[in-house]
Amino acid sequence: MQAGDDDGVAKRYLGPPYGNALVATRDFAPGDVVLRDAPLLATTEDSQLLDRIYDAHDAVGIRADLLGKDASVDFSLQMLQYAAADDLTRSKLRSLFTPDLRSCADEPYVRAATQYAAQLGSAARHAPGDLAASALAPLARLAPRPDEVARVVLAWVCNCYSTVDGGGALYERGSLVNHCCEGNTRYGAPQWGRDYR
């Protein structure tokens, strides 16, 4: 179901600096489910896959520095989910908020995402056999452009919810839910979907 006035919430463009947000179009009582959303994509912490990704990164020279931490393994997990998704899901993911790559180029997450994208592109050009024989083979087959790679990993960075198993999940509408540091909303994750109250 798309966000629309019939379920009490709608996607609205609020203008700079807020962009898109999910807004209520009717009153809700405390405890009402405001939104039920299934994930577009989700990652999990699979130790065998992580080991294979580390090996692939060593073989082709991928390491994206993010404030002293190597973020490239998380980025590869996210890109592998993207590569496995159908065209419609990939399109929905690309519609999620991401910062502008040019005007935000000096921001740490943008810098790490563009560094990772450049390294993945370099591996595809200079070590295509190594890339195709590794855990990153689906990315070699998909062959995304560097700007697409950067936007996909930034969509995860900016819109992802942590999951109980150590992974993360992206939600088409849940990513539009604004939050308040005073905690006036709650969400749960029954069977990977989320109920927002």
C-alpha atoms as a PDB file:
ATOM      1  CA  MET A   1       0.000   0.000   0.000  1.00  0.00           C
ATOM      2  CA  GLN A   2       1.357   3.445  -0.873  1.00  0.00           C
ATOM      3  CA  ALA A   3       1.233   6.292   1.583  1.00  0.00           C
ATOM      4  CA  GLY A   4      -1.966   8.143   0.910  1.00  0.00           C
ATOM      5  CA  ASP A   5      -4.750   9.986   2.649  1.00  0.00           C
ATOM      6  CA  ASP A   6      -6.809   6.777   2.910  1.00  0.00           C
ATOM      7  CA  ASP A   7      -4.526   5.278   5.581  1.00  0.00           C
ATOM      8  CA  GLY A   8      -4.026   8.501   7.506  1.00  0.00           C
ATOM      9  CA  VAL A   9      -0.502   9.319   6.326  1.00  0.00           C
ATOM     10  CA  ALA A  10       0.900  10.811   3.162  1.00  0.00           C
ATOM     11  CA  LYS A  11       4.292  11.606   1.701  1.00  0.00           C
ATOM     12  CA  ARG A  12       4.737  15.364   1.429  1.00  0.00           C
ATOM     13  CA  TYR A  13       7.602  17.538   0.258  1.00  0.00           C
ATOM     14  CA  LEU A  14       8.332  19.995   3.074  1.00  0.00           C
ATOM     15  CA  GLY A  15      11.011  21.976   1.247  1.00  0.00           C
ATOM     16  CA  PRO A  16      14.620  22.624   2.221  1.00  0.00           C
ATOM     17  CA  PRO A  17      16.195  21.533   4.447  1.00  0.00           C
ATOM     18  CA  TYR A  18      13.586  18.878   5.294  1.00  0.00           C
ATOM     19  CA  GLY A  19      12.803  17.316   1.914  1.00  0.00           C
ATOM     20  CA  ASN A  20      10.195  14.545   1.924  1.00  0.00           C
ATOM     21  CA  ALA A  21       8.454  13.412   5.085  1.00  0.00           C
ATOM     22  CA  LEU A  22       5.526  11.285   6.111  1.00  0.00           C
ATOM     23  CA  VAL A  23       2.780  13.459   7.611  1.00  0.00           C
ATOM     24  CA  ALA A  24      -0.497  12.606   9.312  1.00  0.00           C
ATOM     25  CA  THR A  25      -3.632  13.490   7.366  1.00  0.00           C
ATOM     26  CA  ARG A  26      -5.985  12.672  10.245  1.00  0.00           C
ATOM     27  CA  ASP A  27      -5.875  12.493  14.024  1.00  0.00           C
ATOM     28  CA  PHE A  28      -4.553   9.358  15.724  1.00  0.00           C
ATOM     29  CA  ALA A  29      -5.252   8.183  19.252  1.00  0.00           C
ATOM     30  CA  PRO A  30      -2.379   7.084  21.511  1.00  0.00           C
ATOM     31  CA  GLY A  31      -1.479   3.483  20.667  1.00  0.00           C
ATOM     32  CA  ASP A  32      -2.955   3.561  17.141  1.00  0.00           C
ATOM     33  CA  VAL A  33      -0.859   1.953  14.443  1.00  0.00           C
ATOM     34  CA  VAL A  34       0.000   4.889  12.196  1.00  0.00           C
ATOM     35  CA  LEU A  35       1.940   2.917   9.615  1.00  0.00           C
ATOM     36  CA  ARG A  36       2.694  -0.703   8.824  1.00  0.00           C
ATOM     37  CA  ASP A  37       5.663  -1.130   6.507  1.00  0.00           C
ATOM     38  CA  ALA A  38       7.547  -4.154   5.168  1.00  0.00           C
ATOM     39  CA  PRO A  39      11.260  -3.774   4.385  1.00  0.00           C
ATOM     40  CA  LEU A  40      12.439  -3.107   0.857  1.00  0.00           C
ATOM     41  CA  LEU A  41      15.750  -4.812   1.651  1.00  0.00           C
ATOM     42  CA  ALA A  42      17.514  -6.144   4.726  1.00  0.00           C
ATOM     43  CA  THR A  43      21.001  -7.292   5.632  1.00  0.00           C
ATOM     44  CA  THR A  44      21.982  -9.832   8.273  1.00  0.00           C
ATOM     45  CA  GLU A  45      25.229 -10.568  10.046  1.00  0.00           C
ATOM     46  CA  ASP A  46      26.280 -13.840   8.381  1.00  0.00           C
ATOM     47  CA  SER A  47      29.824 -14.598   9.575  1.00  0.00           C
ATOM     48  CA  GLN A  48      30.666 -16.841   6.606  1.00  0.00           C
ATOM     49  CA  LEU A  49      29.559 -14.167   4.114  1.00  0.00           C
ATOM     50  CA  LEU A  50      31.457 -11.516   6.074  1.00  0.00           C
ATOM     51  CA  ASP A  51      34.633 -13.624   5.887  1.00  0.00           C
ATOM     52  CA  ARG A  52      34.186 -14.003   2.117  1.00  0.00           C
ATOM     53  CA  ILE A  53      33.659 -10.248   1.739  1.00  0.00           C
ATOM     54  CA  TYR A  54      36.822  -9.515   3.769  1.00  0.00           C
ATOM     55  CA  ASP A  55      38.737 -11.904   1.491  1.00  0.00           C
ATOM     56  CA  ALA A  56      37.297 -10.258  -1.634  1.00  0.00           C
ATOM     57  CA  HIS A  57      38.201  -6.800  -0.358  1.00  0.00           C
ATOM     58  CA  ASP A  58      41.766  -7.929   0.341  1.00  0.00           C
ATOM     59  CA  ALA A  59      42.028  -9.467  -3.138  1.00  0.00           C
ATOM     60  CA  VAL A  60      40.824  -6.392  -5.046  1.00  0.00           C
ATOM     61  CA  GLY A  61      41.914  -3.569  -2.715  1.00  0.00           C
ATOM     62  CA  ILE A  62      38.692  -2.182  -1.245  1.00  0.00           C
ATOM     63  CA  ARG A  63      38.699  -0.217   2.008  1.00  0.00           C
ATOM     64  CA  ALA A  64      36.435   2.777   2.633  1.00  0.00           C
ATOM     65  CA  ASP A  65      37.584   4.793   5.626  1.00  0.00           C
ATOM     66  CA  LEU A  66      34.820   6.290   7.759  1.00  0.00           C
ATOM     67  CA  LEU A  67      36.138   8.158  10.764  1.00  0.00           C
ATOM     68  CA  GLY A  68      38.913   5.600  11.223  1.00  0.00           C
ATOM     69  CA  LYS A  69      36.692   2.549  10.665  1.00  0.00           C
ATOM     70  CA  ASP A  70      36.478   0.421   7.540  1.00  0.00           C
ATOM     71  CA  ALA A  71      32.865   0.852   6.347  1.00  0.00           C
ATOM     72  CA  SER A  72      33.382  -1.080   3.117  1.00  0.00           C
ATOM     73  CA  VAL A  73      32.168  -4.439   4.476  1.00  0.00           C
ATOM     74  CA  ASP A  74      28.822  -2.926   5.464  1.00  0.00           C
ATOM     75  CA  PHE A  75      28.674  -1.197   2.085  1.00  0.00           C
ATOM     76  CA  SER A  76      29.309  -4.494   0.280  1.00  0.00           C
ATOM     77  CA  LEU A  77      26.602  -6.268   2.315  1.00  0.00           C
ATOM     78  CA  GLN A  78      24.186  -3.513   1.294  1.00  0.00           C
ATOM     79  CA  MET A  79      25.247  -3.566  -2.355  1.00  0.00           C
ATOM     80  CA  LEU A  80      24.864  -7.365  -2.498  1.00  0.00           C
ATOM     81  CA  GLN A  81      21.245  -7.009  -1.318  1.00  0.00           C
ATOM     82  CA  TYR A  82      20.730  -4.296  -3.936  1.00  0.00           C
ATOM     83  CA  ALA A  83      22.199  -6.510  -6.667  1.00  0.00           C
ATOM     84  CA  ALA A  84      19.885  -9.380  -5.673  1.00  0.00           C
ATOM     85  CA  ALA A  85      16.766  -7.180  -5.732  1.00  0.00           C
ATOM     86  CA  ASP A  86      14.357  -6.839  -8.642  1.00  0.00           C
ATOM     87  CA  ASP A  87      14.262  -3.656 -10.753  1.00  0.00           C
ATOM     88  CA  LEU A  88      11.233  -2.212  -8.936  1.00  0.00           C
ATOM     89  CA  THR A  89      12.843  -2.619  -5.509  1.00  0.00           C
ATOM     90  CA  ARG A  90      16.093  -1.076  -6.771  1.00  0.00           C
ATOM     91  CA  SER A  91      14.103   1.854  -8.153  1.00  0.00           C
ATOM     92  CA  LYS A  92      12.334   2.355  -4.811  1.00  0.00           C
ATOM     93  CA  LEU A  93      15.659   2.252  -2.965  1.00  0.00           C
ATOM     94  CA  ARG A  94      17.107   4.869  -5.322  1.00  0.00           C
ATOM     95  CA  SER A  95      14.131   7.142  -4.509  1.00  0.00           C
ATOM     96  CA  LEU A  96      15.061   7.290  -0.805  1.00  0.00           C
ATOM     97  CA  PHE A  97      16.820  10.351   0.552  1.00  0.00           C
ATOM     98  CA  THR A  98      20.539  10.704  -0.078  1.00  0.00           C
ATOM     99  CA  PRO A  99      22.705  13.791   0.342  1.00  0.00           C
ATOM    100  CA  ASP A 100      23.910  15.548  -2.787  1.00  0.00           C
ATOM    101  CA  LEU A 101      27.251  13.987  -3.754  1.00  0.00           C
ATOM    102  CA  ARG A 102      28.781  17.275  -4.906  1.00  0.00           C
ATOM    103  CA  SER A 103      27.673  19.778  -2.286  1.00  0.00           C
ATOM    104  CA  CYS A 104      28.260  17.281   0.560  1.00  0.00           C
ATOM    105  CA  ALA A 105      31.493  15.809  -0.812  1.00  0.00           C
ATOM    106  CA  ASP A 106      33.467  16.652   2.343  1.00  0.00           C
ATOM    107  CA  GLU A 107      30.998  14.985   4.729  1.00  0.00           C
ATOM    108  CA  PRO A 108      32.487  11.768   6.188  1.00  0.00           C
ATOM    109  CA  TYR A 109      29.734   9.401   4.985  1.00  0.00           C
ATOM    110  CA  VAL A 110      29.672  10.887   1.486  1.00  0.00           C
ATOM    111  CA  ARG A 111      33.469  10.713   1.319  1.00  0.00           C
ATOM    112  CA  ALA A 112      33.436   7.041   2.421  1.00  0.00           C
ATOM    113  CA  ALA A 113      30.638   6.158  -0.036  1.00  0.00           C
ATOM    114  CA  THR A 114      32.366   7.794  -2.998  1.00  0.00           C
ATOM    115  CA  GLN A 115      35.696   6.215  -1.989  1.00  0.00           C
ATOM    116  CA  TYR A 116      34.050   2.779  -1.886  1.00  0.00           C
ATOM    117  CA  ALA A 117      32.314   3.385  -5.231  1.00  0.00           C
ATOM    118  CA  ALA A 118      35.602   4.416  -6.860  1.00  0.00           C
ATOM    119  CA  GLN A 119      37.419   1.369  -5.455  1.00  0.00           C
ATOM    120  CA  LEU A 120      34.664  -0.997  -6.590  1.00  0.00           C
ATOM    121  CA  GLY A 121      34.773   0.574 -10.060  1.00  0.00           C
ATOM    122  CA  SER A 122      38.562   0.263 -10.153  1.00  0.00           C
ATOM    123  CA  ALA A 123      38.348  -3.412  -9.172  1.00  0.00           C
ATOM    124  CA  ALA A 124      35.809  -4.018 -11.947  1.00  0.00           C
ATOM    125  CA  ARG A 125      38.168  -2.417 -14.494  1.00  0.00           C
ATOM    126  CA  HIS A 126      41.557  -3.676 -13.273  1.00  0.00           C
ATOM    127  CA  ALA A 127      40.761  -7.017 -11.605  1.00  0.00           C
ATOM    128  CA  PRO A 128      37.528  -8.211 -13.227  1.00  0.00           C
ATOM    129  CA  GLY A 129      38.424 -11.897 -12.853  1.00  0.00           C
ATOM    130  CA  ASP A 130      39.189 -11.543  -9.139  1.00  0.00           C
ATOM    131  CA  LEU A 131      35.972  -9.602  -8.591  1.00  0.00           C
ATOM    132  CA  ALA A 132      33.866 -12.109 -10.555  1.00  0.00           C
ATOM    133  CA  ALA A 133      35.375 -15.046  -8.632  1.00  0.00           C
ATOM    134  CA  SER A 134      34.711 -13.493  -5.227  1.00  0.00           C
ATOM    135  CA  ALA A 135      31.752 -12.951  -2.916  1.00  0.00           C
ATOM    136  CA  LEU A 136      31.258  -9.697  -4.848  1.00  0.00           C
ATOM    137  CA  ALA A 137      30.457 -11.529  -8.115  1.00  0.00           C
ATOM    138  CA  PRO A 138      26.846 -10.237  -8.149  1.00  0.00           C
ATOM    139  CA  LEU A 139      28.232  -6.690  -8.192  1.00  0.00           C
ATOM    140  CA  ALA A 140      30.505  -7.577 -11.093  1.00  0.00           C
ATOM    141  CA  ARG A 141      27.448  -8.847 -13.002  1.00  0.00           C
ATOM    142  CA  LEU A 142      25.287  -5.824 -12.131  1.00  0.00           C
ATOM    143  CA  ALA A 143      28.128  -3.392 -12.981  1.00  0.00           C
ATOM    144  CA  PRO A 144      26.588  -0.314 -11.338  1.00  0.00           C
ATOM    145  CA  ARG A 145      28.017   3.125 -12.118  1.00  0.00           C
ATOM    146  CA  PRO A 146      30.071   4.739  -9.306  1.00  0.00           C
ATOM    147  CA  ASP A 147      27.428   7.431  -8.666  1.00  0.00           C
ATOM    148  CA  GLU A 148      24.768   4.716  -8.360  1.00  0.00           C
ATOM    149  CA  VAL A 149      26.933   2.774  -5.889  1.00  0.00           C
ATOM    150  CA  ALA A 150      27.525   5.895  -3.785  1.00  0.00           C
ATOM    151  CA  ARG A 151      23.806   6.786  -3.779  1.00  0.00           C
ATOM    152  CA  VAL A 152      22.782   3.228  -2.827  1.00  0.00           C
ATOM    153  CA  VAL A 153      25.133   3.003   0.159  1.00  0.00           C
ATOM    154  CA  LEU A 154      24.126   6.516   1.232  1.00  0.00           C
ATOM    155  CA  ALA A 155      20.464   5.490   1.017  1.00  0.00           C
ATOM    156  CA  TRP A 156      21.322   2.774   3.556  1.00  0.00           C
ATOM    157  CA  VAL A 157      23.315   5.174   5.749  1.00  0.00           C
ATOM    158  CA  CYS A 158      20.557   7.797   5.809  1.00  0.00           C
ATOM    159  CA  ASN A 159      17.451   5.579   5.952  1.00  0.00           C
ATOM    160  CA  CYS A 160      18.378   2.272   7.581  1.00  0.00           C
ATOM    161  CA  TYR A 161      16.871   0.870  10.761  1.00  0.00           C
ATOM    162  CA  SER A 162      18.947  -1.577  12.804  1.00  0.00           C
ATOM    163  CA  THR A 163      17.549  -5.084  13.150  1.00  0.00           C
ATOM    164  CA  VAL A 164      17.766  -7.382  16.157  1.00  0.00           C
ATOM    165  CA  ASP A 165      20.208  -9.728  14.416  1.00  0.00           C
ATOM    166  CA  GLY A 166      22.833  -7.031  13.862  1.00  0.00           C
ATOM    167  CA  GLY A 167      21.844  -6.174  10.310  1.00  0.00           C
ATOM    168  CA  GLY A 168      19.771  -3.377   8.915  1.00  0.00           C
ATOM    169  CA  ALA A 169      16.587  -2.842   6.941  1.00  0.00           C
ATOM    170  CA  LEU A 170      15.315  -0.178   4.556  1.00  0.00           C
ATOM    171  CA  TYR A 171      11.662   0.818   4.457  1.00  0.00           C
ATOM    172  CA  GLU A 172       9.986   2.739   1.668  1.00  0.00           C
ATOM    173  CA  ARG A 173       7.683   4.720   3.948  1.00  0.00           C
ATOM    174  CA  GLY A 174       9.313   4.128   7.322  1.00  0.00           C
ATOM    175  CA  SER A 175      12.350   6.064   6.149  1.00  0.00           C
ATOM    176  CA  LEU A 176      10.105   9.142   5.925  1.00  0.00           C
ATOM    177  CA  VAL A 177       9.048   9.006   9.579  1.00  0.00           C
ATOM    178  CA  ASN A 178      10.551  11.949  11.403  1.00  0.00           C
ATOM    179  CA  HIS A 179      11.693  11.432  14.954  1.00  0.00           C
ATOM    180  CA  CYS A 180      11.841  13.489  18.080  1.00  0.00           C
ATOM    181  CA  CYS A 181      14.551  13.142  20.695  1.00  0.00           C
ATOM    182  CA  GLU A 182      11.827  13.232  23.357  1.00  0.00           C
ATOM    183  CA  GLY A 183      10.585   9.871  22.087  1.00  0.00           C
ATOM    184  CA  ASN A 184       6.981  10.609  21.198  1.00  0.00           C
ATOM    185  CA  THR A 185       6.739   7.639  18.826  1.00  0.00           C
ATOM    186  CA  ARG A 186       7.446   3.937  19.131  1.00  0.00           C
ATOM    187  CA  TYR A 187       8.034   1.285  16.554  1.00  0.00           C
ATOM    188  CA  GLY A 188       8.210  -2.469  16.628  1.00  0.00           C
ATOM    189  CA  ALA A 189       9.428  -5.060  14.168  1.00  0.00           C
ATOM    190  CA  PRO A 190       6.977  -7.993  14.010  1.00  0.00           C
ATOM    191  CA  GLN A 191       8.336 -10.458  11.450  1.00  0.00           C
ATOM    192  CA  TRP A 192      10.681  -7.792   9.878  1.00  0.00           C
ATOM    193  CA  GLY A 193       7.802  -5.415   9.128  1.00  0.00           C
ATOM    194  CA  ARG A 194       7.456  -2.355  11.304  1.00  0.00           C
ATOM    195  CA  ASP A 195       4.465  -0.922  13.105  1.00  0.00           C
ATOM    196  CA  TYR A 196       4.847   2.772  13.937  1.00  0.00           C
ATOM    197  CA  ARG A 197       2.765   4.122  16.844  1.00  0.00           C
END
